[in-house]
């Protein structure tokens, strides 16, 4: 067993660099960055240098790519994809299942990396491992079914034989964010590969090491070397170059950047899948189990310190249970353990960057200045860590406050009372986002009917956020400003393919016979159409 495999978590719980992540180890990972970054000499872009949230010390430096490096990576991937597309599903599945096993066996390594690069609590890092393992197993077992050829009826019964088949897009570009570097960085790669594509991933500059570690693990599982390429560097440079060269792009990030990606993809007439921002609502009906609703709200609002696209930012509570829910929520929020370290002692960790901390402070400060009340939290905790911010609950938030309609992307929750279900639905549908929602009620039928009225890609009943997100057979994505397309399930792999129709005509070509008048063909066809309707054919 190598040093890299064996020396895991041999470091203090204060957040310093994991001892096993040596310069030698990082250099091996950086060798996976594709293109000509090591050969251009003085013309190379400035290397990527992130800052560790635990102590603001530099994370290991990673080389940066230029547009020509991205183009080179795509060419290399395209060459590898031709052979991979002809590889049987069973062999592709073997690679993914081997990766599944290696990921679970080596999870302590990637947990260290995720924590070092993002600062999140270790339990929240482990959730990424569990989700990626589930996705790998799911597509390894179900891809053949999702992509199976489909027989359909032809234009003329018996005489026309038609099949719809799925063929790979070619080279898929994946641009993933820092907040879930394993789940969002790799969870989209797996179905793209299983569908027969090559992938070029743009690693987020904050979390490049997590993706490079995973790429190395995938190679160990048997993935051909050139099939999954990693490029690094700034979004405007590397991300734009990626969209300019690939055959399909999968982007997860902000709505503003998603619009730019969509516009760039549209100019090339390539498809795009976009999971974007959210301002997700949670509704507590009068008949809800208040304690259960509070227990579900806490992880939905504060997991990963609120830095997740599906996290709850606004809670609408029926006036009859508002006081009981508010008081229980405040108690539960105050009981959360804020900290940092490579263990399971903390419920939430720091924010990812000084910019993220400043954004959260600005939203809370603006709300308080305009009259909102802080019921819990509401302040930074530099005594715990330089980027730590307390989980926060606000009351009395109004439309003129930034936190009311803008995505905070931090551990901040706002409470609002309501009187009727219609009012709750209207409040939940405020704004232009539509990613995730939650309804708490003992009346399942009523909650299900309410869910159909909420404009959101997923609605959780008696769960905060994870029931839908964790159901990998069901699609996950947004409506409105929250994006286009879905990950997970059938759509999560079919989006990486093109639908191709293969039609075979038996006996003779369709159309009039050259030996008979066209009018005879038309009369015959009209009679046929009438008979098909009469006998309910199609």
Protein backbone atom coordinates (compact mmCIF):
# COMPACT_ATOMS: atom_id res chain seq x y z
CA UNK A 1 0.00 0.00 0.00
CA UNK A 2 1.36 3.42 -0.97
CA UNK A 3 1.94 6.26 1.46
CA UNK A 4 -0.86 8.16 -0.25
CA UNK A 5 -3.27 5.30 0.49
CA UNK A 6 -2.23 4.62 4.07
CA UNK A 7 -1.52 7.98 5.69
CA UNK A 8 -5.01 9.33 6.23
CA UNK A 9 -6.12 11.83 8.89
CA UNK A 10 -2.69 11.97 10.55
CA UNK A 11 -3.05 15.63 11.37
CA UNK A 12 -4.35 17.83 14.12
CA UNK A 13 -8.05 18.68 14.31
CA UNK A 14 -7.30 22.38 13.98
CA UNK A 15 -7.72 22.47 10.21
CA UNK A 16 -4.13 22.43 9.06
CA UNK A 17 -3.16 20.75 5.80
CA UNK A 18 -3.68 16.96 5.93
CA UNK A 19 -0.25 15.46 6.52
CA UNK A 20 -0.65 12.78 3.87
CA UNK A 21 -1.24 15.42 1.14
CA UNK A 22 2.46 16.00 0.46
CA UNK A 23 3.90 18.09 -2.34
CA UNK A 24 4.87 14.86 -4.07
CA UNK A 25 1.29 13.58 -3.94
CA UNK A 26 -0.08 16.88 -5.25
CA UNK A 27 2.47 16.89 -8.09
CA UNK A 28 1.21 13.48 -9.22
CA UNK A 29 -2.36 14.73 -9.23
CA UNK A 30 -1.43 17.89 -11.11
CA UNK A 31 0.05 15.67 -13.82
CA UNK A 32 -3.55 14.82 -14.68
CA UNK A 33 -4.27 18.40 -15.78
CA UNK A 34 -4.46 18.05 -19.54
CA UNK A 35 -3.21 20.26 -22.34
CA UNK A 36 0.17 21.87 -22.86
CA UNK A 37 0.38 23.56 -19.44
CA UNK A 38 3.77 22.02 -18.69
CA UNK A 39 5.31 22.86 -22.07
CA UNK A 40 4.54 26.49 -22.73
CA UNK A 41 7.14 27.98 -20.47
CA UNK A 42 6.75 31.62 -19.59
CA UNK A 43 3.50 31.95 -21.53
CA UNK A 44 1.51 29.81 -19.09
CA UNK A 45 -1.36 31.41 -17.14
CA UNK A 46 -0.90 32.07 -13.45
CA UNK A 47 -1.33 28.85 -11.43
CA UNK A 48 -4.54 28.29 -9.45
CA UNK A 49 -3.97 29.02 -5.75
CA UNK A 50 -6.96 28.61 -3.42
CA UNK A 51 -7.21 29.47 0.27
CA UNK A 52 -8.13 26.89 2.93
CA UNK A 53 -11.24 28.02 4.87
CA UNK A 54 -10.01 26.60 8.19
CA UNK A 55 -6.95 28.81 8.52
CA UNK A 56 -6.75 30.97 5.33
CA UNK A 57 -3.46 29.28 4.45
CA UNK A 58 -2.83 28.51 0.77
CA UNK A 59 -4.08 25.22 -0.60
CA UNK A 60 -1.64 23.44 -2.91
CA UNK A 61 -1.05 25.29 -6.19
CA UNK A 62 -2.47 23.73 -9.36
CA UNK A 63 -1.42 24.66 -12.93
CA UNK A 64 -3.86 26.74 -14.95
CA UNK A 65 -4.91 26.11 -18.55
CA UNK A 66 -5.22 28.47 -21.49
CA UNK A 67 -7.92 28.20 -24.20
CA UNK A 68 -5.59 26.21 -26.45
CA UNK A 69 -5.08 23.69 -23.63
CA UNK A 70 -8.83 23.18 -23.42
CA UNK A 71 -9.06 22.67 -27.17
CA UNK A 72 -6.22 20.16 -26.99
CA UNK A 73 -7.92 18.28 -24.16
CA UNK A 74 -11.13 18.03 -26.17
CA UNK A 75 -9.28 16.68 -29.21
CA UNK A 76 -7.59 14.04 -27.08
CA UNK A 77 -10.89 13.11 -25.45
CA UNK A 78 -12.63 12.90 -28.81
CA UNK A 79 -10.07 10.40 -30.07
CA UNK A 80 -10.57 8.24 -26.96
CA UNK A 81 -14.35 8.46 -27.18
CA UNK A 82 -14.56 6.65 -30.50
CA UNK A 83 -13.26 3.43 -29.00
CA UNK A 84 -15.20 3.89 -25.74
CA UNK A 85 -18.51 4.29 -27.62
CA UNK A 86 -18.01 0.78 -29.00
CA UNK A 87 -17.29 -0.70 -25.58
CA UNK A 88 -20.18 -2.87 -24.34
CA UNK A 89 -22.32 -1.54 -21.50
CA UNK A 90 -21.21 -4.41 -19.30
CA UNK A 91 -17.56 -3.33 -19.50
CA UNK A 92 -18.39 0.33 -18.87
CA UNK A 93 -20.42 -0.76 -15.85
CA UNK A 94 -17.48 -2.81 -14.54
CA UNK A 95 -15.31 0.31 -14.46
CA UNK A 96 -17.96 2.32 -12.62
CA UNK A 97 -18.60 -0.43 -10.06
CA UNK A 98 -14.87 -0.78 -9.45
CA UNK A 99 -14.75 2.97 -8.87
CA UNK A 100 -17.68 2.60 -6.44
CA UNK A 101 -15.71 0.09 -4.37
CA UNK A 102 -12.50 2.12 -4.40
CA UNK A 103 -14.36 5.27 -3.37
CA UNK A 104 -15.85 3.59 -0.33
CA UNK A 105 -12.53 1.99 0.58
CA UNK A 106 -10.56 5.26 0.29
CA UNK A 107 -13.24 7.66 1.51
CA UNK A 108 -11.14 9.03 4.38
CA UNK A 109 -8.76 10.53 1.85
CA UNK A 110 -11.42 12.40 -0.09
CA UNK A 111 -13.16 13.46 3.12
CA UNK A 112 -9.92 15.13 4.18
CA UNK A 113 -9.60 16.86 0.80
CA UNK A 114 -13.20 18.07 0.73
CA UNK A 115 -12.86 19.49 4.23
CA UNK A 116 -9.51 21.10 3.53
CA UNK A 117 -10.75 22.78 0.35
CA UNK A 118 -14.32 23.72 1.41
CA UNK A 119 -14.28 23.77 5.23
CA UNK A 120 -17.52 21.80 5.51
CA UNK A 121 -18.28 19.51 8.44
CA UNK A 122 -17.06 15.96 7.92
CA UNK A 123 -20.56 14.48 7.98
CA UNK A 124 -21.57 16.77 5.12
CA UNK A 125 -18.45 15.70 3.23
CA UNK A 126 -19.41 12.06 3.81
CA UNK A 127 -22.84 12.73 2.31
CA UNK A 128 -21.05 13.47 -0.97
CA UNK A 129 -19.32 10.10 -0.85
CA UNK A 130 -22.59 8.30 -0.16
CA UNK A 131 -24.38 10.11 -2.99
CA UNK A 132 -21.66 9.50 -5.59
CA UNK A 133 -21.46 5.82 -4.64
CA UNK A 134 -25.24 5.56 -5.04
CA UNK A 135 -25.13 7.28 -8.44
CA UNK A 136 -22.32 5.01 -9.63
CA UNK A 137 -24.18 1.88 -8.59
CA UNK A 138 -27.46 3.15 -10.04
CA UNK A 139 -26.17 3.93 -13.53
CA UNK A 140 -24.00 0.82 -13.66
CA UNK A 141 -27.16 -1.23 -13.09
CA UNK A 142 -29.76 0.85 -14.96
CA UNK A 143 -27.99 2.51 -17.89
CA UNK A 144 -28.72 -0.35 -20.27
CA UNK A 145 -32.43 -0.03 -19.49
CA UNK A 146 -32.48 3.77 -19.79
CA UNK A 147 -30.69 3.72 -23.15
CA UNK A 148 -32.19 0.56 -24.64
CA UNK A 149 -33.35 0.76 -28.29
CA UNK A 150 -37.10 1.20 -28.61
CA UNK A 151 -39.28 -0.39 -31.29
CA UNK A 152 -42.00 1.95 -32.60
CA UNK A 153 -44.67 1.53 -35.26
CA UNK A 154 -43.74 2.71 -38.70
CA UNK A 155 -45.68 4.77 -41.20
CA UNK A 156 -47.24 1.71 -42.81
CA UNK A 157 -48.01 -1.22 -40.49
CA UNK A 158 -45.94 -4.35 -41.24
CA UNK A 159 -44.17 -2.72 -44.20
CA UNK A 160 -42.18 -0.18 -42.16
CA UNK A 161 -39.85 -1.23 -39.31
CA UNK A 162 -38.61 1.59 -37.05
CA UNK A 163 -36.25 1.74 -34.07
CA UNK A 164 -35.28 4.67 -31.87
CA UNK A 165 -31.73 4.32 -30.55
CA UNK A 166 -29.53 6.40 -28.29
CA UNK A 167 -26.05 7.43 -29.42
CA UNK A 168 -23.48 9.37 -27.35
CA UNK A 169 -23.17 13.13 -27.78
CA UNK A 170 -19.39 12.79 -28.12
CA UNK A 171 -17.42 14.99 -25.73
CA UNK A 172 -19.32 16.36 -22.74
CA UNK A 173 -18.04 19.44 -20.92
CA UNK A 174 -18.83 19.60 -17.21
CA UNK A 175 -18.39 22.80 -15.20
CA UNK A 176 -18.91 22.11 -11.50
CA UNK A 177 -18.87 24.40 -8.43
CA UNK A 178 -16.92 24.38 -5.18
CA UNK A 179 -19.73 23.68 -2.73
CA UNK A 180 -20.07 19.94 -3.55
CA UNK A 181 -16.83 19.13 -5.38
CA UNK A 182 -17.30 15.35 -5.34
CA UNK A 183 -21.05 15.05 -5.79
CA UNK A 184 -21.45 17.79 -8.41
CA UNK A 185 -17.99 17.29 -9.89
CA UNK A 186 -18.28 13.52 -10.36
CA UNK A 187 -21.97 12.69 -10.08
CA UNK A 188 -22.54 14.18 -13.55
CA UNK A 189 -19.41 12.60 -15.03
CA UNK A 190 -20.54 9.04 -14.27
CA UNK A 191 -23.69 8.93 -16.45
CA UNK A 192 -21.90 10.78 -19.25
CA UNK A 193 -19.19 8.12 -19.31
CA UNK A 194 -21.59 5.20 -18.97
CA UNK A 195 -23.56 6.59 -21.95
CA UNK A 196 -20.43 6.26 -24.09
CA UNK A 197 -19.11 9.82 -24.03
CA UNK A 198 -15.76 11.29 -23.20
CA UNK A 199 -15.70 14.08 -20.60
CA UNK A 200 -13.68 17.23 -20.12
CA UNK A 201 -14.23 18.69 -16.64
CA UNK A 202 -13.40 22.19 -15.54
CA UNK A 203 -12.35 21.89 -11.92
CA UNK A 204 -13.40 24.77 -9.70
CA UNK A 205 -10.34 26.69 -8.60
CA UNK A 206 -11.26 26.29 -4.92
CA UNK A 207 -11.60 22.52 -5.07
CA UNK A 208 -9.35 21.25 -7.86
CA UNK A 209 -7.59 18.67 -5.70
CA UNK A 210 -10.79 16.77 -4.91
CA UNK A 211 -11.52 16.34 -8.61
CA UNK A 212 -7.94 15.38 -9.46
CA UNK A 213 -7.92 12.78 -6.67
CA UNK A 214 -11.13 11.31 -8.04
CA UNK A 215 -9.77 11.23 -11.60
CA UNK A 216 -6.79 9.23 -10.35
CA UNK A 217 -9.14 6.83 -8.57
CA UNK A 218 -11.23 6.39 -11.74
CA UNK A 219 -8.06 5.48 -13.66
CA UNK A 220 -7.26 2.88 -11.04
CA UNK A 221 -10.77 1.48 -11.57
CA UNK A 222 -9.93 0.91 -15.22
CA UNK A 223 -11.11 4.03 -17.06
CA UNK A 224 -9.00 4.65 -20.21
CA UNK A 225 -6.45 7.39 -19.60
CA UNK A 226 -7.62 9.96 -22.14
CA UNK A 227 -11.36 9.52 -21.72
CA UNK A 228 -11.81 11.92 -18.80
CA UNK A 229 -9.77 15.10 -19.07
CA UNK A 230 -9.37 17.73 -16.33
CA UNK A 231 -8.76 21.40 -17.11
CA UNK A 232 -8.19 24.14 -14.56
CA UNK A 233 -8.19 27.91 -14.45
CA UNK A 234 -10.53 30.86 -14.36
CA UNK A 235 -14.17 30.48 -15.35
CA UNK A 236 -14.25 33.24 -17.97
CA UNK A 237 -11.20 31.80 -19.74
CA UNK A 238 -11.36 28.03 -19.27
CA UNK A 239 -15.12 27.70 -18.91
CA UNK A 240 -15.76 29.71 -22.05
CA UNK A 241 -13.19 27.71 -24.02
CA UNK A 242 -14.83 24.49 -22.85
CA UNK A 243 -18.26 25.55 -24.11
CA UNK A 244 -16.64 26.56 -27.40
CA UNK A 245 -15.24 23.07 -28.04
CA UNK A 246 -17.45 20.34 -26.57
CA UNK A 247 -20.64 18.73 -27.91
CA UNK A 248 -22.77 19.24 -24.78
CA UNK A 249 -22.26 21.21 -21.59
CA UNK A 250 -23.45 20.48 -18.05
CA UNK A 251 -23.15 23.50 -15.77
CA UNK A 252 -23.92 23.93 -12.08
CA UNK A 253 -23.57 27.36 -10.55
CA UNK A 254 -25.11 30.81 -10.37
CA UNK A 255 -28.03 31.92 -12.49
CA UNK A 256 -26.03 34.81 -13.96
CA UNK A 257 -23.21 32.56 -15.13
CA UNK A 258 -25.72 29.94 -16.29
CA UNK A 259 -27.31 32.48 -18.63
CA UNK A 260 -23.90 33.24 -20.13
CA UNK A 261 -23.19 29.52 -20.61
CA UNK A 262 -26.58 28.99 -22.25
CA UNK A 263 -26.07 31.91 -24.63
CA UNK A 264 -22.62 30.67 -25.63
CA UNK A 265 -23.90 27.12 -26.15
CA UNK A 266 -26.85 28.40 -28.19
CA UNK A 267 -24.52 30.15 -30.63
CA UNK A 268 -22.96 26.74 -31.37
CA UNK A 269 -26.31 24.93 -31.36
CA UNK A 270 -25.19 22.49 -28.68
CA UNK A 271 -27.32 21.39 -25.75
CA UNK A 272 -26.87 22.54 -22.18
CA UNK A 273 -28.05 21.30 -18.81
CA UNK A 274 -28.07 24.00 -16.15
CA UNK A 275 -28.70 23.71 -12.42
CA UNK A 276 -28.67 27.23 -11.06
CA UNK A 277 -29.64 29.24 -7.98
CA UNK A 278 -32.56 28.92 -5.59
CA UNK A 279 -34.39 30.71 -2.80
CA UNK A 280 -36.09 27.60 -1.56
CA UNK A 281 -39.28 27.68 0.57
CA UNK A 282 -40.46 25.38 3.35
CA UNK A 283 -44.15 25.39 4.36
CA UNK A 284 -45.39 24.24 7.77
CA UNK A 285 -49.14 23.65 7.73
CA UNK A 286 -51.33 23.96 10.84
CA UNK A 287 -51.61 20.18 11.17
CA UNK A 288 -47.86 19.53 10.92
CA UNK A 289 -45.88 17.66 13.54
CA UNK A 290 -43.97 20.71 14.75
CA UNK A 291 -41.05 18.84 16.32
CA UNK A 292 -40.58 16.76 13.16
CA UNK A 293 -40.78 19.89 11.02
CA UNK A 294 -38.08 21.57 13.08
CA UNK A 295 -35.90 18.46 12.94
CA UNK A 296 -36.24 18.49 9.15
CA UNK A 297 -35.69 22.22 8.80
CA UNK A 298 -32.33 22.24 10.55
CA UNK A 299 -30.38 20.13 8.01
CA UNK A 300 -32.31 21.63 5.09
CA UNK A 301 -31.27 25.13 6.14
CA UNK A 302 -27.83 24.65 7.68
CA UNK A 303 -26.16 21.64 6.05
CA UNK A 304 -22.84 22.69 4.50
CA UNK A 305 -23.35 26.00 6.32
CA UNK A 306 -26.23 26.76 3.96
CA UNK A 307 -23.97 26.59 0.91
CA UNK A 308 -26.06 24.25 -1.21
CA UNK A 309 -28.40 24.98 -4.06
CA UNK A 310 -31.39 23.14 -2.54
CA UNK A 311 -31.06 24.52 0.98
CA UNK A 312 -34.05 26.22 2.57
CA UNK A 313 -33.81 29.99 3.04
CA UNK A 314 -37.44 30.97 3.76
CA UNK A 315 -39.94 29.22 6.02
CA UNK A 316 -43.69 29.90 5.95
CA UNK A 317 -45.48 28.73 9.12
CA UNK A 318 -49.22 28.66 9.74
CA UNK A 319 -50.12 31.23 12.36
CA UNK A 320 -51.68 28.59 14.64
CA UNK A 321 -48.33 26.83 15.12
CA UNK A 322 -46.00 29.72 14.38
CA UNK A 323 -45.01 30.39 18.00
CA UNK A 324 -44.40 26.74 18.84
CA UNK A 325 -42.39 26.17 15.67
CA UNK A 326 -40.35 29.37 16.10
CA UNK A 327 -39.41 28.59 19.69
CA UNK A 328 -38.45 24.99 18.90
CA UNK A 329 -36.46 26.09 15.86
CA UNK A 330 -34.51 28.66 17.87
CA UNK A 331 -33.65 26.07 20.51
CA UNK A 332 -32.50 23.59 17.87
CA UNK A 333 -30.47 26.23 16.03
CA UNK A 334 -28.72 27.39 19.20
CA UNK A 335 -27.82 23.78 19.99
CA UNK A 336 -25.87 23.31 16.75
CA UNK A 337 -22.11 22.90 17.14
CA UNK A 338 -20.13 25.33 15.02
CA UNK A 339 -16.53 24.27 14.56
CA UNK A 340 -13.81 23.00 12.28
CA UNK A 341 -11.69 19.90 12.25
CA UNK A 342 -11.19 16.56 10.53
CA UNK A 343 -13.64 14.67 12.72
CA UNK A 344 -17.37 14.44 13.34
CA UNK A 345 -17.46 16.81 16.33
CA UNK A 346 -19.06 19.75 14.48
CA UNK A 347 -22.54 20.14 12.98
CA UNK A 348 -21.43 22.84 10.58
CA UNK A 349 -18.17 24.41 9.59
CA UNK A 350 -16.96 27.73 8.19
CA UNK A 351 -17.98 29.42 4.98
CA UNK A 352 -15.76 28.78 2.01
CA UNK A 353 -14.17 32.20 1.49
CA UNK A 354 -13.92 35.75 2.83
CA UNK A 355 -16.20 36.85 -0.03
CA UNK A 356 -18.87 34.36 1.03
CA UNK A 357 -18.62 35.51 4.65
CA UNK A 358 -18.93 39.15 3.56
CA UNK A 359 -22.03 38.33 1.52
CA UNK A 360 -23.75 36.64 4.47
CA UNK A 361 -22.81 39.49 6.82
CA UNK A 362 -24.17 42.00 4.32
CA UNK A 363 -27.54 40.25 4.04
CA UNK A 364 -28.00 39.93 7.79
CA UNK A 365 -26.71 43.44 8.47
CA UNK A 366 -29.06 44.93 5.88
CA UNK A 367 -32.03 43.04 7.36
CA UNK A 368 -31.27 44.15 10.92
CA UNK A 369 -30.72 47.76 9.86
CA UNK A 370 -34.16 47.74 8.24
CA UNK A 371 -35.98 46.27 11.22
CA UNK A 372 -35.63 42.49 11.15
CA UNK A 373 -35.12 40.64 14.43
CA UNK A 374 -32.35 38.10 14.97
CA UNK A 375 -33.82 35.14 16.85
CA UNK A 376 -30.66 33.03 16.78
CA UNK A 377 -27.07 33.53 15.63
CA UNK A 378 -26.48 36.60 13.53
CA UNK A 379 -22.75 37.08 13.95
CA UNK A 380 -19.38 35.92 12.75
CA UNK A 381 -17.29 33.76 15.09
CA UNK A 382 -13.60 34.46 14.45
CA UNK A 383 -12.88 32.84 17.82
CA UNK A 384 -13.92 29.51 16.25
CA UNK A 385 -12.40 30.07 12.83
CA UNK A 386 -11.70 32.98 10.47
CA UNK A 387 -14.71 32.23 8.24
CA UNK A 388 -17.16 30.84 10.80
CA UNK A 389 -20.64 32.35 11.01
CA UNK A 390 -23.36 31.29 13.40
CA UNK A 391 -26.49 29.58 12.07
CA UNK A 392 -29.01 32.38 11.96
CA UNK A 393 -32.79 32.71 12.18
CA UNK A 394 -34.47 36.01 11.26
CA UNK A 395 -37.99 37.28 11.86
CA UNK A 396 -39.77 40.34 10.49
CA UNK A 397 -38.05 40.22 7.09
CA UNK A 398 -39.69 42.53 4.53
CA UNK A 399 -39.50 42.94 0.76
CA UNK A 400 -37.06 45.86 0.94
CA UNK A 401 -34.39 43.64 2.54
CA UNK A 402 -31.87 41.84 0.33
CA UNK A 403 -32.32 38.61 2.27
CA UNK A 404 -36.01 38.52 1.30
CA UNK A 405 -35.57 37.70 -2.39
CA UNK A 406 -31.86 37.29 -3.10
CA UNK A 407 -30.09 33.98 -2.62
CA UNK A 408 -27.93 34.25 0.52
CA UNK A 409 -26.10 30.93 0.13
CA UNK A 410 -25.21 30.83 3.80
CA UNK A 411 -26.59 29.67 7.17
CA UNK A 412 -29.45 32.18 7.26
CA UNK A 413 -33.16 31.38 7.56
CA UNK A 414 -36.14 33.80 7.54
CA UNK A 415 -39.53 33.03 9.14
CA UNK A 416 -42.92 34.26 7.89
CA UNK A 417 -46.45 33.47 9.17
CA UNK A 418 -49.40 32.63 6.89
CA UNK A 419 -53.13 31.98 7.33
CA UNK A 420 -54.33 29.76 4.47
CA UNK A 421 -52.92 27.14 2.13
CA UNK A 422 -53.58 29.43 -0.83
CA UNK A 423 -51.53 32.15 0.81
CA UNK A 424 -48.73 29.67 1.55
CA UNK A 425 -48.61 28.54 -2.07
CA UNK A 426 -48.54 32.14 -3.29
CA UNK A 427 -45.70 32.97 -0.90
CA UNK A 428 -43.75 29.86 -1.87
CA UNK A 429 -44.06 30.84 -5.54
CA UNK A 430 -42.74 34.37 -4.99
CA UNK A 431 -39.70 35.28 -7.03
CA UNK A 432 -38.21 33.79 -10.18
CA UNK A 433 -36.46 30.74 -8.75
CA UNK A 434 -37.95 27.24 -8.67
CA UNK A 435 -35.46 24.61 -7.53
CA UNK A 436 -36.63 22.88 -4.34
CA UNK A 437 -39.50 23.21 -1.86
CA UNK A 438 -40.79 21.48 1.24
CA UNK A 439 -44.24 20.95 2.81
CA UNK A 440 -44.88 19.61 6.30
CA UNK A 441 -48.32 18.18 7.08
CA UNK A 442 -50.01 15.16 8.64
CA UNK A 443 -52.48 15.24 5.74
CA UNK A 444 -50.50 13.62 2.93
CA UNK A 445 -53.19 14.05 0.26
CA UNK A 446 -53.54 17.76 0.89
CA UNK A 447 -49.77 18.19 0.92
CA UNK A 448 -49.48 16.31 -2.38
CA UNK A 449 -52.10 18.58 -3.95
CA UNK A 450 -50.26 21.65 -2.66
CA UNK A 451 -47.02 20.30 -4.12
CA UNK A 452 -48.55 20.31 -7.61
CA UNK A 453 -49.27 24.03 -7.24
CA UNK A 454 -45.73 25.00 -6.23
CA UNK A 455 -43.49 25.91 -9.15
CA UNK A 456 -40.41 23.95 -8.25
CA UNK A 457 -38.32 21.19 -9.78
CA UNK A 458 -38.77 19.08 -6.66
CA UNK A 459 -41.11 19.25 -3.67
CA UNK A 460 -40.41 17.27 -0.51
CA UNK A 461 -43.33 16.27 1.71
CA UNK A 462 -42.36 15.85 5.36
CA UNK A 463 -38.69 16.19 4.49
CA UNK A 464 -36.54 19.25 4.11
CA UNK A 465 -34.56 18.67 0.93
CA UNK A 466 -32.78 15.34 0.75
CA UNK A 467 -35.66 12.95 0.00
CA UNK A 468 -35.93 14.25 -3.55
CA UNK A 469 -32.23 15.00 -4.05
CA UNK A 470 -31.25 11.55 -2.81
CA UNK A 471 -33.77 9.70 -4.97
CA UNK A 472 -31.40 9.04 -7.84
CA UNK A 473 -34.06 7.36 -9.99
CA UNK A 474 -36.02 10.65 -10.04
CA UNK A 475 -34.89 13.72 -11.97
CA UNK A 476 -33.49 16.70 -10.09
CA UNK A 477 -33.37 20.22 -11.49
CA UNK A 478 -35.04 23.59 -11.55
CA UNK A 479 -37.74 25.69 -13.12
CA UNK A 480 -37.56 29.37 -14.02
CA UNK A 481 -34.27 31.00 -13.04
CA UNK A 482 -33.18 27.77 -11.35
CA UNK A 483 -32.21 26.17 -14.61
CA UNK A 484 -32.85 23.71 -17.44
CA UNK A 485 -32.68 19.94 -17.62
CA UNK A 486 -32.35 17.31 -14.92
CA UNK A 487 -29.68 15.19 -13.29
CA UNK A 488 -30.40 11.69 -11.92
CA UNK A 489 -32.75 9.07 -13.31
CA UNK A 490 -33.49 8.46 -16.97
CA UNK A 491 -33.17 12.09 -18.01
CA UNK A 492 -29.87 12.37 -16.16
CA UNK A 493 -28.23 9.98 -18.63
CA UNK A 494 -30.37 10.44 -21.74
CA UNK A 495 -29.40 14.12 -21.88
CA UNK A 496 -25.89 12.94 -22.76
CA UNK A 497 -27.17 11.13 -25.86
CA UNK A 498 -28.84 11.94 -29.15
CA UNK A 499 -32.02 10.17 -30.20
CA UNK A 500 -31.54 8.55 -33.60
CA UNK A 501 -34.34 7.02 -35.69
CA UNK A 502 -33.50 4.03 -37.88
CA UNK A 503 -36.31 3.13 -40.29
CA UNK A 504 -36.35 0.15 -42.64
CA UNK A 505 -38.90 -0.16 -45.45
CA UNK A 506 -39.88 -3.64 -46.60
CA UNK A 507 -40.93 -4.76 -50.10
CA UNK A 508 -40.85 -1.37 -51.87
CA UNK A 509 -40.29 2.33 -51.12
CA UNK A 510 -43.15 4.45 -49.85
CA UNK A 511 -44.97 6.59 -52.39
CA UNK A 512 -46.81 6.27 -55.69
CA UNK A 513 -45.87 3.47 -58.08
CA UNK A 514 -44.25 4.74 -61.27
CA UNK A 515 -46.65 2.47 -63.19
CA UNK A 516 -49.87 3.97 -61.76
CA UNK A 517 -51.41 7.47 -61.63
CA UNK A 518 -50.67 9.53 -58.50
CA UNK A 519 -54.44 9.95 -58.04
CA UNK A 520 -54.79 6.18 -57.47
CA UNK A 521 -52.14 6.31 -54.74
CA UNK A 522 -53.90 9.22 -53.03
CA UNK A 523 -57.32 7.47 -53.08
CA UNK A 524 -55.77 4.27 -51.73
CA UNK A 525 -53.97 6.12 -48.95
CA UNK A 526 -57.10 8.07 -47.96
CA UNK A 527 -59.01 4.79 -47.61
CA UNK A 528 -56.18 3.40 -45.50
CA UNK A 529 -56.20 6.44 -43.21
CA UNK A 530 -59.93 6.06 -42.65
CA UNK A 531 -59.55 2.37 -41.82
CA UNK A 532 -56.71 3.06 -39.39
CA UNK A 533 -58.91 5.55 -37.54
CA UNK A 534 -61.89 3.18 -37.55
CA UNK A 535 -59.85 0.34 -36.04
CA UNK A 536 -58.15 2.68 -33.54
CA UNK A 537 -54.65 2.21 -34.90
CA UNK A 538 -52.67 5.06 -33.34
